[in-house]
PDB file of all heavy atoms in Angstrom:
ATOM      1  N   ARG A   1       6.863   8.724 -86.777  1.00  0.00           N
ATOM      2  CA  ARG A   1       7.440   9.417 -85.630  1.00  0.00           C
ATOM      3  C   ARG A   1       6.381   9.316 -84.448  1.00  0.00           C
ATOM      4  O   ARG A   1       5.279   8.904 -84.668  1.00  0.00           O
ATOM      5  CB  ARG A   1       7.725  10.880 -85.919  1.00  0.00           C
ATOM      6  CG  ARG A   1       8.648  11.065 -87.146  1.00  0.00           C
ATOM      7  CD  ARG A   1       9.055  12.588 -87.303  1.00  0.00           C
ATOM      8  NE  ARG A   1       7.866  13.460 -87.355  1.00  0.00           N
ATOM      9  CZ  ARG A   1       7.280  13.745 -88.493  1.00  0.00           C
ATOM     10  NH1 ARG A   1       7.721  13.265 -89.667  1.00  0.00           N
ATOM     11  NH2 ARG A   1       6.178  14.465 -88.549  1.00  0.00           N
ATOM     12  N   ALA A   2       6.822   9.918 -83.301  1.00  0.00           N
ATOM     13  CA  ALA A   2       5.919   9.827 -82.189  1.00  0.00           C
ATOM     14  C   ALA A   2       4.584  10.692 -82.518  1.00  0.00           C
ATOM     15  O   ALA A   2       3.552  10.358 -81.903  1.00  0.00           O
ATOM     16  CB  ALA A   2       6.572  10.429 -80.951  1.00  0.00           C
ATOM     17  N   ASP A   3       4.683  11.721 -83.302  1.00  0.00           N
ATOM     18  CA  ASP A   3       3.498  12.606 -83.561  1.00  0.00           C
ATOM     19  C   ASP A   3       2.813  12.113 -84.833  1.00  0.00           C
ATOM     20  O   ASP A   3       1.898  12.791 -85.306  1.00  0.00           O
ATOM     21  CB  ASP A   3       3.885  14.012 -83.685  1.00  0.00           C
ATOM     22  CG  ASP A   3       4.930  14.265 -84.795  1.00  0.00           C
ATOM     23  OD1 ASP A   3       5.494  13.244 -85.302  1.00  0.00           O
ATOM     24  OD2 ASP A   3       5.143  15.459 -85.190  1.00  0.00           O
ATOM     25  N   SER A   4       3.156  10.964 -85.406  1.00  0.00           N
ATOM     26  CA  SER A   4       2.563  10.463 -86.613  1.00  0.00           C
ATOM     27  C   SER A   4       1.060  10.048 -86.264  1.00  0.00           C
ATOM     28  O   SER A   4       0.831   9.516 -85.231  1.00  0.00           O
ATOM     29  CB  SER A   4       3.308   9.244 -87.246  1.00  0.00           C
ATOM     30  OG  SER A   4       4.529   9.652 -87.695  1.00  0.00           O
ATOM     31  N   ALA A   5       0.258  10.218 -87.309  1.00  0.00           N
ATOM     32  CA  ALA A   5      -1.163   9.671 -87.142  1.00  0.00           C
ATOM     33  C   ALA A   5      -1.118   8.175 -87.114  1.00  0.00           C
ATOM     34  O   ALA A   5      -0.183   7.487 -87.671  1.00  0.00           O
ATOM     35  CB  ALA A   5      -2.029  10.221 -88.287  1.00  0.00           C
ATOM     36  N   ASP A   6      -2.168   7.572 -86.485  1.00  0.00           N
ATOM     37  CA  ASP A   6      -2.233   6.089 -86.407  1.00  0.00           C
ATOM     38  C   ASP A   6      -2.095   5.454 -87.828  1.00  0.00           C
ATOM     39  O   ASP A   6      -1.498   4.417 -87.957  1.00  0.00           O
ATOM     40  CB  ASP A   6      -3.592   5.672 -85.852  1.00  0.00           C
ATOM     41  CG  ASP A   6      -3.674   6.034 -84.379  1.00  0.00           C
ATOM     42  OD1 ASP A   6      -2.608   6.537 -83.832  1.00  0.00           O
ATOM     43  OD2 ASP A   6      -4.756   5.879 -83.739  1.00  0.00           O
ATOM     44  N   PHE A   7      -2.689   6.115 -88.805  1.00  0.00           N
ATOM     45  CA  PHE A   7      -2.647   5.601 -90.190  1.00  0.00           C
ATOM     46  C   PHE A   7      -1.218   5.284 -90.604  1.00  0.00           C
ATOM     47  O   PHE A   7      -0.974   4.145 -91.188  1.00  0.00           O
ATOM     48  CB  PHE A   7      -3.253   6.664 -91.169  1.00  0.00           C
ATOM     49  CG  PHE A   7      -3.139   6.168 -92.604  1.00  0.00           C
ATOM     50  CD1 PHE A   7      -4.169   5.433 -93.220  1.00  0.00           C
ATOM     51  CD2 PHE A   7      -2.012   6.515 -93.374  1.00  0.00           C
ATOM     52  CE1 PHE A   7      -4.117   5.094 -94.560  1.00  0.00           C
ATOM     53  CE2 PHE A   7      -1.984   6.167 -94.696  1.00  0.00           C
ATOM     54  CZ  PHE A   7      -3.001   5.415 -95.322  1.00  0.00           C
ATOM     55  N   TRP A   8      -0.264   6.167 -90.350  1.00  0.00           N
ATOM     56  CA  TRP A   8       1.042   6.024 -90.851  1.00  0.00           C
ATOM     57  C   TRP A   8       1.804   4.918 -90.104  1.00  0.00           C
ATOM     58  O   TRP A   8       2.679   4.175 -90.658  1.00  0.00           O
ATOM     59  CB  TRP A   8       1.840   7.326 -90.799  1.00  0.00           C
ATOM     60  CG  TRP A   8       1.253   8.298 -91.757  1.00  0.00           C
ATOM     61  CD1 TRP A   8       0.614   9.462 -91.452  1.00  0.00           C
ATOM     62  CD2 TRP A   8       1.234   8.212 -93.215  1.00  0.00           C
ATOM     63  NE1 TRP A   8       0.175  10.108 -92.628  1.00  0.00           N
ATOM     64  CE2 TRP A   8       0.526   9.397 -93.723  1.00  0.00           C
ATOM     65  CE3 TRP A   8       1.727   7.325 -94.083  1.00  0.00           C
ATOM     66  CZ2 TRP A   8       0.412   9.548 -95.100  1.00  0.00           C
ATOM     67  CZ3 TRP A   8       1.568   7.526 -95.469  1.00  0.00           C
ATOM     68  CH2 TRP A   8       0.889   8.690 -95.924  1.00  0.00           C
ATOM     69  N   ILE A   9       1.530   4.744 -88.806  1.00  0.00           N
ATOM     70  CA  ILE A   9       2.207   3.752 -88.081  1.00  0.00           C
ATOM     71  C   ILE A   9       1.708   2.326 -88.488  1.00  0.00           C
ATOM     72  O   ILE A   9       2.510   1.394 -88.685  1.00  0.00           O
ATOM     73  CB  ILE A   9       1.944   3.945 -86.592  1.00  0.00           C
ATOM     74  CG1 ILE A   9       2.544   5.237 -86.076  1.00  0.00           C
ATOM     75  CG2 ILE A   9       2.458   2.709 -85.750  1.00  0.00           C
ATOM     76  CD1 ILE A   9       2.371   5.616 -84.618  1.00  0.00           C
ATOM     77  N   ILE A  10       0.334   2.245 -88.701  1.00  0.00           N
ATOM     78  CA  ILE A  10      -0.137   0.907 -89.173  1.00  0.00           C
ATOM     79  C   ILE A  10       0.393   0.710 -90.586  1.00  0.00           C
ATOM     80  O   ILE A  10       0.763  -0.473 -90.939  1.00  0.00           O
ATOM     81  CB  ILE A  10      -1.664   0.926 -89.194  1.00  0.00           C
ATOM     82  CG1 ILE A  10      -2.185   1.225 -87.757  1.00  0.00           C
ATOM     83  CG2 ILE A  10      -2.246  -0.495 -89.616  1.00  0.00           C
ATOM     84  CD1 ILE A  10      -3.735   1.293 -87.661  1.00  0.00           C
ATOM     85  N   ALA A  11       0.336   1.748 -91.505  1.00  0.00           N
ATOM     86  CA  ALA A  11       0.900   1.522 -92.837  1.00  0.00           C
ATOM     87  C   ALA A  11       2.315   1.052 -92.816  1.00  0.00           C
ATOM     88  O   ALA A  11       2.722   0.212 -93.669  1.00  0.00           O
ATOM     89  CB  ALA A  11       0.712   2.819 -93.615  1.00  0.00           C
ATOM     90  N   SER A  12       3.114   1.598 -91.915  1.00  0.00           N
ATOM     91  CA  SER A  12       4.527   1.234 -91.791  1.00  0.00           C
ATOM     92  C   SER A  12       4.646  -0.252 -91.383  1.00  0.00           C
ATOM     93  O   SER A  12       5.470  -1.035 -91.977  1.00  0.00           O
ATOM     94  CB  SER A  12       5.254   2.096 -90.744  1.00  0.00           C
ATOM     95  OG  SER A  12       6.613   1.715 -90.670  1.00  0.00           O
ATOM     96  N   ALA A  13       3.783  -0.728 -90.518  1.00  0.00           N
ATOM     97  CA  ALA A  13       3.690  -2.124 -90.095  1.00  0.00           C
ATOM     98  C   ALA A  13       3.352  -3.030 -91.242  1.00  0.00           C
ATOM     99  O   ALA A  13       3.911  -4.093 -91.484  1.00  0.00           O
ATOM    100  CB  ALA A  13       2.822  -2.319 -88.917  1.00  0.00           C
ATOM    101  N   VAL A  14       2.264  -2.677 -92.034  1.00  0.00           N
ATOM    102  CA  VAL A  14       1.817  -3.378 -93.123  1.00  0.00           C
ATOM    103  C   VAL A  14       2.951  -3.471 -94.255  1.00  0.00           C
ATOM    104  O   VAL A  14       3.151  -4.496 -94.918  1.00  0.00           O
ATOM    105  CB  VAL A  14       0.508  -2.805 -93.716  1.00  0.00           C
ATOM    106  CG1 VAL A  14       0.131  -3.545 -95.029  1.00  0.00           C
ATOM    107  CG2 VAL A  14      -0.619  -2.973 -92.662  1.00  0.00           C
ATOM    108  N   ARG A  15       3.555  -2.284 -94.376  1.00  0.00           N
ATOM    109  CA  ARG A  15       4.731  -2.259 -95.337  1.00  0.00           C
ATOM    110  C   ARG A  15       5.808  -3.378 -94.979  1.00  0.00           C
ATOM    111  O   ARG A  15       6.329  -4.036 -95.921  1.00  0.00           O
ATOM    112  CB  ARG A  15       5.298  -0.882 -95.379  1.00  0.00           C
ATOM    113  CG  ARG A  15       6.632  -0.697 -96.210  1.00  0.00           C
ATOM    114  CD  ARG A  15       7.075   0.714 -96.164  1.00  0.00           C
ATOM    115  NE  ARG A  15       8.182   0.941 -97.008  1.00  0.00           N
ATOM    116  CZ  ARG A  15       9.476   0.883 -96.549  1.00  0.00           C
ATOM    117  NH1 ARG A  15       9.655   0.560 -95.298  1.00  0.00           N
ATOM    118  NH2 ARG A  15      10.427   1.130 -97.364  1.00  0.00           N
ATOM    119  N   GLU A  16       6.107  -3.417 -93.729  1.00  0.00           N
ATOM    120  CA  GLU A  16       7.042  -4.434 -93.250  1.00  0.00           C
ATOM    121  C   GLU A  16       6.580  -5.804 -93.451  1.00  0.00           C
ATOM    122  O   GLU A  16       7.291  -6.736 -93.871  1.00  0.00           O
ATOM    123  CB  GLU A  16       7.402  -4.178 -91.749  1.00  0.00           C
ATOM    124  CG  GLU A  16       8.529  -5.024 -91.217  1.00  0.00           C
ATOM    125  CD  GLU A  16       8.923  -4.697 -89.788  1.00  0.00           C
ATOM    126  OE1 GLU A  16       8.879  -3.491 -89.515  1.00  0.00           O
ATOM    127  OE2 GLU A  16       9.216  -5.642 -89.013  1.00  0.00           O
ATOM    128  N   PHE A  17       5.257  -6.014 -93.235  1.00  0.00           N
ATOM    129  CA  PHE A  17       4.678  -7.366 -93.432  1.00  0.00           C
ATOM    130  C   PHE A  17       4.781  -7.688 -94.925  1.00  0.00           C
ATOM    131  O   PHE A  17       5.177  -8.879 -95.281  1.00  0.00           O
ATOM    132  CB  PHE A  17       3.193  -7.274 -93.069  1.00  0.00           C
ATOM    133  CG  PHE A  17       2.389  -8.574 -93.245  1.00  0.00           C
ATOM    134  CD1 PHE A  17       2.266  -9.412 -92.203  1.00  0.00           C
ATOM    135  CD2 PHE A  17       1.863  -8.879 -94.491  1.00  0.00           C
ATOM    136  CE1 PHE A  17       1.516 -10.636 -92.406  1.00  0.00           C
ATOM    137  CE2 PHE A  17       1.223 -10.091 -94.670  1.00  0.00           C
ATOM    138  CZ  PHE A  17       0.992 -10.917 -93.648  1.00  0.00           C
ATOM    139  N   PHE A  18       4.589  -6.737 -95.801  1.00  0.00           N
ATOM    140  CA  PHE A  18       4.652  -7.030 -97.262  1.00  0.00           C
ATOM    141  C   PHE A  18       6.096  -7.299 -97.666  1.00  0.00           C
ATOM    142  O   PHE A  18       6.352  -8.235 -98.513  1.00  0.00           O
ATOM    143  CB  PHE A  18       4.194  -5.831 -98.094  1.00  0.00           C
ATOM    144  CG  PHE A  18       4.364  -5.926 -99.517  1.00  0.00           C
ATOM    145  CD1 PHE A  18       3.561  -6.722-100.275  1.00  0.00           C
ATOM    146  CD2 PHE A  18       5.429  -5.160-100.130  1.00  0.00           C
ATOM    147  CE1 PHE A  18       3.749  -6.814-101.654  1.00  0.00           C
ATOM    148  CE2 PHE A  18       5.607  -5.318-101.481  1.00  0.00           C
ATOM    149  CZ  PHE A  18       4.828  -6.117-102.300  1.00  0.00           C
ATOM    150  N   GLN A  19       7.097  -6.606 -97.068  1.00  0.00           N
ATOM    151  CA  GLN A  19       8.461  -6.894 -97.374  1.00  0.00           C
ATOM    152  C   GLN A  19       8.851  -8.303 -96.996  1.00  0.00           C
ATOM    153  O   GLN A  19       9.760  -8.931 -97.610  1.00  0.00           O
ATOM    154  CB  GLN A  19       9.335  -5.829 -96.742  1.00  0.00           C
ATOM    155  CG  GLN A  19       9.226  -4.494 -97.379  1.00  0.00           C
ATOM    156  CD  GLN A  19       9.954  -3.374 -96.595  1.00  0.00           C
ATOM    157  OE1 GLN A  19      10.201  -3.526 -95.363  1.00  0.00           O
ATOM    158  NE2 GLN A  19      10.352  -2.278 -97.357  1.00  0.00           N
ATOM    159  N   GLN A  20       8.193  -8.804 -95.889  1.00  0.00           N
ATOM    160  CA  GLN A  20       8.604 -10.165 -95.415  1.00  0.00           C
ATOM    161  C   GLN A  20       7.927 -11.293 -96.176  1.00  0.00           C
ATOM    162  O   GLN A  20       8.502 -12.318 -96.407  1.00  0.00           O
ATOM    163  CB  GLN A  20       8.267 -10.254 -93.912  1.00  0.00           C
ATOM    164  CG  GLN A  20       9.055  -9.417 -92.982  1.00  0.00           C
ATOM    165  CD  GLN A  20       8.547  -9.496 -91.567  1.00  0.00           C
ATOM    166  OE1 GLN A  20       7.667 -10.262 -91.280  1.00  0.00           O
ATOM    167  NE2 GLN A  20       9.126  -8.647 -90.711  1.00  0.00           N
ATOM    168  N   HIS A  21       6.627 -11.047 -96.658  1.00  0.00           N
ATOM    169  CA  HIS A  21       5.829 -12.113 -97.230  1.00  0.00           C
ATOM    170  C   HIS A  21       5.583 -11.944 -98.699  1.00  0.00           C
ATOM    171  O   HIS A  21       5.020 -12.746 -99.326  1.00  0.00           O
ATOM    172  CB  HIS A  21       4.575 -12.330 -96.417  1.00  0.00           C
ATOM    173  CG  HIS A  21       4.743 -12.542 -94.990  1.00  0.00           C
ATOM    174  ND1 HIS A  21       5.218 -13.759 -94.523  1.00  0.00           N
ATOM    175  CD2 HIS A  21       4.586 -11.763 -93.868  1.00  0.00           C
ATOM    176  CE1 HIS A  21       5.342 -13.774 -93.215  1.00  0.00           C
ATOM    177  NE2 HIS A  21       4.894 -12.520 -92.775  1.00  0.00           N
ATOM    178  N   ASN A  22       5.789 -10.684 -99.186  1.00  0.00           N
ATOM    179  CA  ASN A  22       5.451 -10.317-100.583  1.00  0.00           C
ATOM    180  C   ASN A  22       3.945 -10.406-100.922  1.00  0.00           C
ATOM    181  O   ASN A  22       3.545 -10.489-102.065  1.00  0.00           O
ATOM    182  CB  ASN A  22       6.264 -11.213-101.587  1.00  0.00           C
ATOM    183  CG  ASN A  22       6.510 -10.446-102.909  1.00  0.00           C
ATOM    184  OD1 ASN A  22       6.624  -9.299-102.931  1.00  0.00           O
ATOM    185  ND2 ASN A  22       6.484 -11.251-104.019  1.00  0.00           N
ATOM    186  N   VAL A  23       3.194 -10.344 -99.843  1.00  0.00           N
ATOM    187  CA  VAL A  23       1.675 -10.215-100.025  1.00  0.00           C
ATOM    188  C   VAL A  23       1.217  -9.310 -98.911  1.00  0.00           C
ATOM    189  O   VAL A  23       2.001  -9.051 -97.884  1.00  0.00           O
ATOM    190  CB  VAL A  23       0.988 -11.605 -99.946  1.00  0.00           C
ATOM    191  CG1 VAL A  23       1.264 -12.492-101.047  1.00  0.00           C
ATOM    192  CG2 VAL A  23       1.407 -12.295 -98.616  1.00  0.00           C
ATOM    193  N   LEU A  24       0.019  -8.884 -99.015  1.00  0.00           N
ATOM    194  CA  LEU A  24      -0.602  -8.031 -97.919  1.00  0.00           C
ATOM    195  C   LEU A  24      -1.318  -8.977 -96.969  1.00  0.00           C
ATOM    196  O   LEU A  24      -1.596 -10.135 -97.297  1.00  0.00           O
ATOM    197  CB  LEU A  24      -1.551  -7.032 -98.594  1.00  0.00           C
ATOM    198  CG  LEU A  24      -0.893  -5.896 -99.380  1.00  0.00           C
ATOM    199  CD1 LEU A  24      -1.998  -5.051-100.007  1.00  0.00           C
ATOM    200  CD2 LEU A  24      -0.047  -5.024 -98.484  1.00  0.00           C
ATOM    201  N   PRO A  25      -1.713  -8.510 -95.795  1.00  0.00           N
ATOM    202  CA  PRO A  25      -2.549  -9.331 -94.896  1.00  0.00           C
ATOM    203  C   PRO A  25      -3.747  -9.774 -95.664  1.00  0.00           C
ATOM    204  O   PRO A  25      -4.474  -9.082 -96.447  1.00  0.00           O
ATOM    205  CB  PRO A  25      -2.875  -8.406 -93.756  1.00  0.00           C
ATOM    206  CG  PRO A  25      -1.748  -7.349 -93.768  1.00  0.00           C
ATOM    207  CD  PRO A  25      -1.407  -7.191 -95.152  1.00  0.00           C
TER     208      PRO A  25
END
């Protein structure tokens, strides 16, 4: 959400990356 800490926004992006590539950065 808009009031989410930076950690959760980056974690959400990395989660999406994992779902697309099945690996982490």
